[in-house]
């Protein structure tokens, strides 16, 4: 068995990955809250933004953490198609869960369906991302830890969507995002603890792309998207603020 190091750069990658998970969760929850207060096309657009934020945040968290993943006796590369597919799956499947909450008939039913779907999206993204790993050896998993990681993903997603349905104060949503970030990070490292690698030394060149050449630029780009979108959401008026502005304008026109 090859020695596995999940944090080759010390606490840097775990802390950065946690921060990205929290940013994605905070943005996704805030957009979902905005969506539930909106109607028509506006609701749809907020839900799309929520899904892309959650999916991007979870994916970025995973691959920031993977920058610190090392196995003794072999280099590590990544399949580009599978890595991109993991991002697409994260956004699409998480999006289905978010839309189930946004357009669900009953709160409990919407929460159950949305939490299950979103949890499956998180777990699918993680294990597709792991399937993209290329190294000299064979990768296997401890089944009970894999099952535990999926349960954590489901619980994290359900708790986050419950917060979006129940909590509307920005400060409380921020607190909920910290909890969700911790849950998503726990799911990732639980899944990584399940990994076992039997190294087979070889002089063959591995297929795929290295982390520095491929993952790092993609992570920077998606991270920039999260922060720019966060700024846009923070500066966008809420439905209550728009109503107050319209009321003030009508009062002003009446006074004239």
C-alpha atoms as a PDB file:
ATOM      1  CA  UNK A   1       0.000   0.000   0.000  1.00  0.00           C
ATOM      2  CA  UNK A   2       1.226   3.501  -0.818  1.00  0.00           C
ATOM      3  CA  UNK A   3       1.378   6.052   1.972  1.00  0.00           C
ATOM      4  CA  UNK A   4      -1.402   8.611   1.470  1.00  0.00           C
ATOM      5  CA  UNK A   5      -1.018  12.229   2.558  1.00  0.00           C
ATOM      6  CA  UNK A   6      -4.256  14.231   2.472  1.00  0.00           C
ATOM      7  CA  UNK A   7      -2.635  17.543   3.427  1.00  0.00           C
ATOM      8  CA  UNK A   8       0.768  17.791   1.756  1.00  0.00           C
ATOM      9  CA  UNK A   9       0.788  21.570   2.353  1.00  0.00           C
ATOM     10  CA  UNK A  10      -0.247  21.336   5.991  1.00  0.00           C
ATOM     11  CA  UNK A  11      -3.396  23.194   7.009  1.00  0.00           C
ATOM     12  CA  UNK A  12      -3.359  25.400   3.904  1.00  0.00           C
ATOM     13  CA  UNK A  13      -5.526  23.255   1.608  1.00  0.00           C
ATOM     14  CA  UNK A  14      -8.018  22.108   4.294  1.00  0.00           C
ATOM     15  CA  UNK A  15      -8.617  25.700   5.430  1.00  0.00           C
ATOM     16  CA  UNK A  16      -8.852  27.084   1.890  1.00  0.00           C
ATOM     17  CA  UNK A  17     -11.202  24.287   0.833  1.00  0.00           C
ATOM     18  CA  UNK A  18     -13.397  24.947   3.880  1.00  0.00           C
ATOM     19  CA  UNK A  19     -13.488  28.659   3.015  1.00  0.00           C
ATOM     20  CA  UNK A  20     -14.583  27.894  -0.551  1.00  0.00           C
ATOM     21  CA  UNK A  21     -17.306  25.527   0.709  1.00  0.00           C
ATOM     22  CA  UNK A  22     -18.581  28.258   3.065  1.00  0.00           C
ATOM     23  CA  UNK A  23     -18.611  30.919   0.338  1.00  0.00           C
ATOM     24  CA  UNK A  24     -20.498  28.629  -2.044  1.00  0.00           C
ATOM     25  CA  UNK A  25     -22.969  27.645   0.685  1.00  0.00           C
ATOM     26  CA  UNK A  26     -23.551  31.242   1.807  1.00  0.00           C
ATOM     27  CA  UNK A  27     -24.142  32.413  -1.753  1.00  0.00           C
ATOM     28  CA  UNK A  28     -26.355  29.444  -2.604  1.00  0.00           C
ATOM     29  CA  UNK A  29     -28.480  29.846   0.528  1.00  0.00           C
ATOM     30  CA  UNK A  30     -28.813  33.593   0.060  1.00  0.00           C
ATOM     31  CA  UNK A  31     -29.913  33.154  -3.561  1.00  0.00           C
ATOM     32  CA  UNK A  32     -32.419  30.458  -2.541  1.00  0.00           C
ATOM     33  CA  UNK A  33     -33.898  32.787   0.077  1.00  0.00           C
ATOM     34  CA  UNK A  34     -34.171  35.504  -2.590  1.00  0.00           C
ATOM     35  CA  UNK A  35     -35.807  33.006  -4.964  1.00  0.00           C
ATOM     36  CA  UNK A  36     -38.463  31.992  -2.430  1.00  0.00           C
ATOM     37  CA  UNK A  37     -39.419  35.658  -2.049  1.00  0.00           C
ATOM     38  CA  UNK A  38     -39.675  36.164  -5.820  1.00  0.00           C
ATOM     39  CA  UNK A  39     -42.001  34.960  -8.565  1.00  0.00           C
ATOM     40  CA  UNK A  40     -41.881  34.145 -12.278  1.00  0.00           C
ATOM     41  CA  UNK A  41     -38.660  34.630 -14.178  1.00  0.00           C
ATOM     42  CA  UNK A  42     -36.970  36.270 -11.198  1.00  0.00           C
ATOM     43  CA  UNK A  43     -37.440  33.137  -9.064  1.00  0.00           C
ATOM     44  CA  UNK A  44     -36.030  30.942 -11.816  1.00  0.00           C
ATOM     45  CA  UNK A  45     -32.962  33.164 -12.250  1.00  0.00           C
ATOM     46  CA  UNK A  46     -32.247  33.232  -8.511  1.00  0.00           C
ATOM     47  CA  UNK A  47     -32.536  29.442  -8.354  1.00  0.00           C
ATOM     48  CA  UNK A  48     -30.131  29.032 -11.282  1.00  0.00           C
ATOM     49  CA  UNK A  49     -27.665  31.310  -9.516  1.00  0.00           C
ATOM     50  CA  UNK A  50     -28.119  29.338  -6.278  1.00  0.00           C
ATOM     51  CA  UNK A  51     -27.476  26.024  -8.051  1.00  0.00           C
ATOM     52  CA  UNK A  52     -24.364  27.305  -9.839  1.00  0.00           C
ATOM     53  CA  UNK A  53     -23.017  28.787  -6.590  1.00  0.00           C
ATOM     54  CA  UNK A  54     -23.568  25.612  -4.561  1.00  0.00           C
ATOM     55  CA  UNK A  55     -22.212  23.369  -7.316  1.00  0.00           C
ATOM     56  CA  UNK A  56     -19.189  25.570  -7.942  1.00  0.00           C
ATOM     57  CA  UNK A  57     -18.450  25.953  -4.232  1.00  0.00           C
ATOM     58  CA  UNK A  58     -18.618  22.212  -3.576  1.00  0.00           C
ATOM     59  CA  UNK A  59     -16.524  21.360  -6.645  1.00  0.00           C
ATOM     60  CA  UNK A  60     -13.911  24.018  -5.828  1.00  0.00           C
ATOM     61  CA  UNK A  61     -13.765  22.799  -2.224  1.00  0.00           C
ATOM     62  CA  UNK A  62     -13.073  19.248  -3.405  1.00  0.00           C
ATOM     63  CA  UNK A  63     -10.286  20.103  -5.807  1.00  0.00           C
ATOM     64  CA  UNK A  64      -8.623  22.677  -3.552  1.00  0.00           C
ATOM     65  CA  UNK A  65      -8.415  19.859  -0.997  1.00  0.00           C
ATOM     66  CA  UNK A  66      -7.097  17.518  -3.724  1.00  0.00           C
ATOM     67  CA  UNK A  67      -4.155  19.872  -4.330  1.00  0.00           C
ATOM     68  CA  UNK A  68      -2.818  18.521  -1.042  1.00  0.00           C
ATOM     69  CA  UNK A  69      -3.394  14.852  -1.977  1.00  0.00           C
ATOM     70  CA  UNK A  70      -0.190  12.839  -2.391  1.00  0.00           C
ATOM     71  CA  UNK A  71       0.625   9.130  -2.638  1.00  0.00           C
ATOM     72  CA  UNK A  72       4.173   7.941  -2.051  1.00  0.00           C
ATOM     73  CA  UNK A  73       5.782   6.151  -4.982  1.00  0.00           C
ATOM     74  CA  UNK A  74       3.659   7.678  -7.742  1.00  0.00           C
ATOM     75  CA  UNK A  75       2.795  10.991  -9.324  1.00  0.00           C
ATOM     76  CA  UNK A  76      -0.853  12.034  -9.632  1.00  0.00           C
ATOM     77  CA  UNK A  77      -2.593  13.393 -12.700  1.00  0.00           C
ATOM     78  CA  UNK A  78      -6.247  14.032 -13.577  1.00  0.00           C
ATOM     79  CA  UNK A  79      -8.474  13.034 -16.489  1.00  0.00           C
ATOM     80  CA  UNK A  80      -9.690  16.307 -17.990  1.00  0.00           C
ATOM     81  CA  UNK A  81     -13.056  14.977 -19.322  1.00  0.00           C
ATOM     82  CA  UNK A  82     -13.976  13.309 -16.010  1.00  0.00           C
ATOM     83  CA  UNK A  83     -12.950  16.365 -14.001  1.00  0.00           C
ATOM     84  CA  UNK A  84     -15.112  18.637 -16.147  1.00  0.00           C
ATOM     85  CA  UNK A  85     -17.945  16.091 -15.968  1.00  0.00           C
ATOM     86  CA  UNK A  86     -17.770  16.152 -12.168  1.00  0.00           C
ATOM     87  CA  UNK A  87     -18.298  19.928 -12.269  1.00  0.00           C
ATOM     88  CA  UNK A  88     -21.256  19.583 -14.648  1.00  0.00           C
ATOM     89  CA  UNK A  89     -22.818  16.869 -12.470  1.00  0.00           C
ATOM     90  CA  UNK A  90     -22.405  19.028  -9.364  1.00  0.00           C
ATOM     91  CA  UNK A  91     -24.233  21.940 -10.969  1.00  0.00           C
ATOM     92  CA  UNK A  92     -26.988  19.933 -12.690  1.00  0.00           C
ATOM     93  CA  UNK A  93     -27.877  17.514  -9.886  1.00  0.00           C
ATOM     94  CA  UNK A  94     -27.566  20.146  -7.149  1.00  0.00           C
ATOM     95  CA  UNK A  95     -29.692  22.373  -9.387  1.00  0.00           C
ATOM     96  CA  UNK A  96     -32.428  19.739  -9.493  1.00  0.00           C
ATOM     97  CA  UNK A  97     -32.467  19.702  -5.685  1.00  0.00           C
ATOM     98  CA  UNK A  98     -32.595  23.482  -5.450  1.00  0.00           C
ATOM     99  CA  UNK A  99     -35.440  23.694  -7.984  1.00  0.00           C
ATOM    100  CA  UNK A 100     -37.327  20.976  -6.085  1.00  0.00           C
ATOM    101  CA  UNK A 101     -37.281  23.293  -3.075  1.00  0.00           C
ATOM    102  CA  UNK A 102     -38.010  26.425  -5.104  1.00  0.00           C
ATOM    103  CA  UNK A 103     -41.063  24.981  -6.843  1.00  0.00           C
ATOM    104  CA  UNK A 104     -42.124  22.238  -4.417  1.00  0.00           C
ATOM    105  CA  UNK A 105     -45.778  21.998  -3.380  1.00  0.00           C
ATOM    106  CA  UNK A 106     -45.305  21.013   0.259  1.00  0.00           C
ATOM    107  CA  UNK A 107     -42.392  22.121   2.420  1.00  0.00           C
ATOM    108  CA  UNK A 108     -41.674  18.661   3.883  1.00  0.00           C
ATOM    109  CA  UNK A 109     -41.889  16.877   0.536  1.00  0.00           C
ATOM    110  CA  UNK A 110     -39.774  19.534  -1.173  1.00  0.00           C
ATOM    111  CA  UNK A 111     -37.175  19.290   1.583  1.00  0.00           C
ATOM    112  CA  UNK A 112     -36.971  15.490   1.382  1.00  0.00           C
ATOM    113  CA  UNK A 113     -36.690  15.419  -2.426  1.00  0.00           C
ATOM    114  CA  UNK A 114     -34.392  18.436  -2.595  1.00  0.00           C
ATOM    115  CA  UNK A 115     -32.111  17.188   0.193  1.00  0.00           C
ATOM    116  CA  UNK A 116     -31.816  13.705  -1.289  1.00  0.00           C
ATOM    117  CA  UNK A 117     -31.162  14.988  -4.814  1.00  0.00           C
ATOM    118  CA  UNK A 118     -28.638  17.594  -3.695  1.00  0.00           C
ATOM    119  CA  UNK A 119     -26.879  15.061  -1.464  1.00  0.00           C
ATOM    120  CA  UNK A 120     -26.600  12.632  -4.370  1.00  0.00           C
ATOM    121  CA  UNK A 121     -25.163  15.477  -6.449  1.00  0.00           C
ATOM    122  CA  UNK A 122     -22.504  16.235  -3.830  1.00  0.00           C
ATOM    123  CA  UNK A 123     -21.514  12.571  -3.471  1.00  0.00           C
ATOM    124  CA  UNK A 124     -21.540  11.995  -7.246  1.00  0.00           C
ATOM    125  CA  UNK A 125     -19.282  14.990  -7.789  1.00  0.00           C
ATOM    126  CA  UNK A 126     -16.827  13.712  -5.177  1.00  0.00           C
ATOM    127  CA  UNK A 127     -16.527  10.173  -6.510  1.00  0.00           C
ATOM    128  CA  UNK A 128     -16.475  11.290 -10.159  1.00  0.00           C
ATOM    129  CA  UNK A 129     -13.645  13.612  -9.174  1.00  0.00           C
ATOM    130  CA  UNK A 130     -11.859  10.670  -7.581  1.00  0.00           C
ATOM    131  CA  UNK A 131     -12.461   8.578 -10.708  1.00  0.00           C
ATOM    132  CA  UNK A 132     -10.544  11.279 -12.593  1.00  0.00           C
ATOM    133  CA  UNK A 133      -7.371  10.543 -10.582  1.00  0.00           C
ATOM    134  CA  UNK A 134      -4.606   8.858 -12.564  1.00  0.00           C
ATOM    135  CA  UNK A 135      -1.670   7.211 -10.751  1.00  0.00           C
ATOM    136  CA  UNK A 136       0.616   4.183 -10.955  1.00  0.00           C
ATOM    137  CA  UNK A 137      -1.437   1.690  -8.987  1.00  0.00           C
ATOM    138  CA  UNK A 138      -4.956   0.590  -8.086  1.00  0.00           C
ATOM    139  CA  UNK A 139      -7.400   2.624  -6.012  1.00  0.00           C
ATOM    140  CA  UNK A 140      -9.943   0.908  -3.753  1.00  0.00           C
ATOM    141  CA  UNK A 141     -12.386   2.116  -1.111  1.00  0.00           C
ATOM    142  CA  UNK A 142     -13.522   1.077   2.354  1.00  0.00           C
ATOM    143  CA  UNK A 143     -17.273   0.520   1.758  1.00  0.00           C
ATOM    144  CA  UNK A 144     -18.570   1.631   5.158  1.00  0.00           C
ATOM    145  CA  UNK A 145     -16.665   4.931   4.949  1.00  0.00           C
ATOM    146  CA  UNK A 146     -18.061   5.527   1.457  1.00  0.00           C
ATOM    147  CA  UNK A 147     -21.582   4.923   2.799  1.00  0.00           C
ATOM    148  CA  UNK A 148     -20.913   7.276   5.726  1.00  0.00           C
ATOM    149  CA  UNK A 149     -19.685  10.000   3.366  1.00  0.00           C
ATOM    150  CA  UNK A 150     -22.902   9.735   1.318  1.00  0.00           C
ATOM    151  CA  UNK A 151     -25.018  10.008   4.480  1.00  0.00           C
ATOM    152  CA  UNK A 152     -23.044  13.113   5.515  1.00  0.00           C
ATOM    153  CA  UNK A 153     -23.606  14.628   2.045  1.00  0.00           C
ATOM    154  CA  UNK A 154     -27.352  14.000   2.322  1.00  0.00           C
ATOM    155  CA  UNK A 155     -27.526  15.425   5.844  1.00  0.00           C
ATOM    156  CA  UNK A 156     -25.519  18.519   4.866  1.00  0.00           C
ATOM    157  CA  UNK A 157     -27.697  19.194   1.826  1.00  0.00           C
ATOM    158  CA  UNK A 158     -30.953  18.697   3.738  1.00  0.00           C
ATOM    159  CA  UNK A 159     -29.819  20.964   6.581  1.00  0.00           C
ATOM    160  CA  UNK A 160     -28.781  23.676   4.111  1.00  0.00           C
ATOM    161  CA  UNK A 161     -32.092  23.582   2.249  1.00  0.00           C
ATOM    162  CA  UNK A 162     -34.012  23.557   5.539  1.00  0.00           C
ATOM    163  CA  UNK A 163     -32.105  26.709   6.489  1.00  0.00           C
ATOM    164  CA  UNK A 164     -33.057  28.322   3.166  1.00  0.00           C
ATOM    165  CA  UNK A 165     -36.740  27.479   3.749  1.00  0.00           C
ATOM    166  CA  UNK A 166     -36.822  28.486   7.403  1.00  0.00           C
ATOM    167  CA  UNK A 167     -34.203  31.153   8.057  1.00  0.00           C
ATOM    168  CA  UNK A 168     -34.238  34.533   6.338  1.00  0.00           C
ATOM    169  CA  UNK A 169     -32.009  36.759   8.468  1.00  0.00           C
ATOM    170  CA  UNK A 170     -28.630  37.289   6.718  1.00  0.00           C
ATOM    171  CA  UNK A 171     -26.643  36.774   9.930  1.00  0.00           C
ATOM    172  CA  UNK A 172     -28.312  33.424  10.613  1.00  0.00           C
ATOM    173  CA  UNK A 173     -27.880  32.351   6.977  1.00  0.00           C
ATOM    174  CA  UNK A 174     -24.174  33.165   7.312  1.00  0.00           C
ATOM    175  CA  UNK A 175     -23.993  30.944  10.384  1.00  0.00           C
ATOM    176  CA  UNK A 176     -25.797  28.159   8.548  1.00  0.00           C
ATOM    177  CA  UNK A 177     -23.287  28.414   5.697  1.00  0.00           C
ATOM    178  CA  UNK A 178     -20.411  27.869   8.146  1.00  0.00           C
ATOM    179  CA  UNK A 179     -22.129  24.704   9.371  1.00  0.00           C
ATOM    180  CA  UNK A 180     -22.762  23.500   5.818  1.00  0.00           C
ATOM    181  CA  UNK A 181     -19.153  24.240   4.864  1.00  0.00           C
ATOM    182  CA  UNK A 182     -17.987  22.093   7.770  1.00  0.00           C
ATOM    183  CA  UNK A 183     -20.382  19.306   6.770  1.00  0.00           C
ATOM    184  CA  UNK A 184     -19.256  19.318   3.129  1.00  0.00           C
ATOM    185  CA  UNK A 185     -15.596  19.312   4.211  1.00  0.00           C
ATOM    186  CA  UNK A 186     -16.341  16.418   6.580  1.00  0.00           C
ATOM    187  CA  UNK A 187     -17.975  14.516   3.737  1.00  0.00           C
ATOM    188  CA  UNK A 188     -14.891  15.053   1.552  1.00  0.00           C
ATOM    189  CA  UNK A 189     -12.349  13.917   4.117  1.00  0.00           C
ATOM    190  CA  UNK A 190     -14.518  10.984   5.191  1.00  0.00           C
ATOM    191  CA  UNK A 191     -14.585   9.886   1.554  1.00  0.00           C
ATOM    192  CA  UNK A 192     -10.827  10.394   1.326  1.00  0.00           C
ATOM    193  CA  UNK A 193     -10.243   8.262   4.429  1.00  0.00           C
ATOM    194  CA  UNK A 194     -11.977   5.461   2.522  1.00  0.00           C
ATOM    195  CA  UNK A 195      -9.293   5.580  -0.189  1.00  0.00           C
ATOM    196  CA  UNK A 196      -6.649   2.855  -0.324  1.00  0.00           C
ATOM    197  CA  UNK A 197      -3.936   2.822  -2.992  1.00  0.00           C
ATOM    198  CA  UNK A 198      -1.835  -0.186  -3.983  1.00  0.00           C
ATOM    199  CA  UNK A 199       1.103   1.379  -5.813  1.00  0.00           C
ATOM    200  CA  UNK A 200       2.633  -0.375  -8.821  1.00  0.00           C
ATOM    201  CA  UNK A 201       5.839   1.480  -9.746  1.00  0.00           C
ATOM    202  CA  UNK A 202       6.127   2.097 -13.465  1.00  0.00           C
ATOM    203  CA  UNK A 203       8.126   4.217 -15.888  1.00  0.00           C
ATOM    204  CA  UNK A 204       5.068   4.719 -18.115  1.00  0.00           C
ATOM    205  CA  UNK A 205       3.827   8.254 -18.577  1.00  0.00           C
ATOM    206  CA  UNK A 206       0.448   8.787 -16.948  1.00  0.00           C
ATOM    207  CA  UNK A 207      -2.405  10.148 -19.033  1.00  0.00           C
ATOM    208  CA  UNK A 208      -4.249  13.284 -18.020  1.00  0.00           C
ATOM    209  CA  UNK A 209      -3.103  16.664 -16.779  1.00  0.00           C
ATOM    210  CA  UNK A 210      -1.169  17.755 -13.708  1.00  0.00           C
ATOM    211  CA  UNK A 211      -2.765  19.712 -10.876  1.00  0.00           C
ATOM    212  CA  UNK A 212      -0.674  22.841 -11.450  1.00  0.00           C
ATOM    213  CA  UNK A 213      -1.344  23.033 -15.188  1.00  0.00           C
ATOM    214  CA  UNK A 214      -5.047  22.163 -15.091  1.00  0.00           C
ATOM    215  CA  UNK A 215      -6.693  22.270 -11.665  1.00  0.00           C
ATOM    216  CA  UNK A 216      -5.116  25.434 -10.315  1.00  0.00           C
ATOM    217  CA  UNK A 217      -6.225  27.784 -13.167  1.00  0.00           C
ATOM    218  CA  UNK A 218      -9.725  26.264 -13.117  1.00  0.00           C
ATOM    219  CA  UNK A 219      -9.977  26.698  -9.349  1.00  0.00           C
ATOM    220  CA  UNK A 220      -8.874  30.333  -9.600  1.00  0.00           C
ATOM    221  CA  UNK A 221     -11.437  31.004 -12.329  1.00  0.00           C
ATOM    222  CA  UNK A 222     -14.333  29.395 -10.445  1.00  0.00           C
ATOM    223  CA  UNK A 223     -13.272  31.037  -7.195  1.00  0.00           C
ATOM    224  CA  UNK A 224     -13.341  34.421  -8.926  1.00  0.00           C
ATOM    225  CA  UNK A 225     -16.841  33.634 -10.198  1.00  0.00           C
ATOM    226  CA  UNK A 226     -18.001  32.917  -6.638  1.00  0.00           C
ATOM    227  CA  UNK A 227     -16.615  36.138  -5.220  1.00  0.00           C
ATOM    228  CA  UNK A 228     -17.901  38.315  -8.086  1.00  0.00           C
ATOM    229  CA  UNK A 229     -21.348  36.728  -7.837  1.00  0.00           C
ATOM    230  CA  UNK A 230     -21.290  37.248  -4.067  1.00  0.00           C
ATOM    231  CA  UNK A 231     -20.618  40.948  -4.619  1.00  0.00           C
ATOM    232  CA  UNK A 232     -23.482  41.147  -7.145  1.00  0.00           C
ATOM    233  CA  UNK A 233     -25.926  39.466  -4.757  1.00  0.00           C
ATOM    234  CA  UNK A 234     -24.817  41.649  -1.854  1.00  0.00           C
ATOM    235  CA  UNK A 235     -25.405  44.808  -3.909  1.00  0.00           C
ATOM    236  CA  UNK A 236     -28.737  43.677  -5.410  1.00  0.00           C
ATOM    237  CA  UNK A 237     -31.784  45.045  -3.558  1.00  0.00           C
ATOM    238  CA  UNK A 238     -34.077  42.520  -1.918  1.00  0.00           C
ATOM    239  CA  UNK A 239     -37.792  42.308  -2.713  1.00  0.00           C
ATOM    240  CA  UNK A 240     -38.538  44.215   0.522  1.00  0.00           C
ATOM    241  CA  UNK A 241     -36.060  46.945  -0.380  1.00  0.00           C
ATOM    242  CA  UNK A 242     -37.546  47.280  -3.880  1.00  0.00           C
ATOM    243  CA  UNK A 243     -41.046  47.521  -2.398  1.00  0.00           C
ATOM    244  CA  UNK A 244     -39.920  50.167   0.085  1.00  0.00           C
ATOM    245  CA  UNK A 245     -38.249  52.135  -2.714  1.00  0.00           C
ATOM    246  CA  UNK A 246     -41.344  51.955  -4.926  1.00  0.00           C
ATOM    247  CA  UNK A 247     -43.569  53.021  -2.016  1.00  0.00           C
ATOM    248  CA  UNK A 248     -41.304  55.953  -1.222  1.00  0.00           C
ATOM    249  CA  UNK A 249     -41.336  56.984  -4.873  1.00  0.00           C
ATOM    250  CA  UNK A 250     -45.145  56.905  -5.007  1.00  0.00           C
ATOM    251  CA  UNK A 251     -45.368  58.943  -1.811  1.00  0.00           C
ATOM    252  CA  UNK A 252     -42.952  61.461  -3.241  1.00  0.00           C
ATOM    253  CA  UNK A 253     -44.923  61.746  -6.475  1.00  0.00           C
ATOM    254  CA  UNK A 254     -48.164  62.171  -4.494  1.00  0.00           C
ATOM    255  CA  UNK A 255     -46.645  64.979  -2.477  1.00  0.00           C
ATOM    256  CA  UNK A 256     -45.802  66.809  -5.682  1.00  0.00           C
END
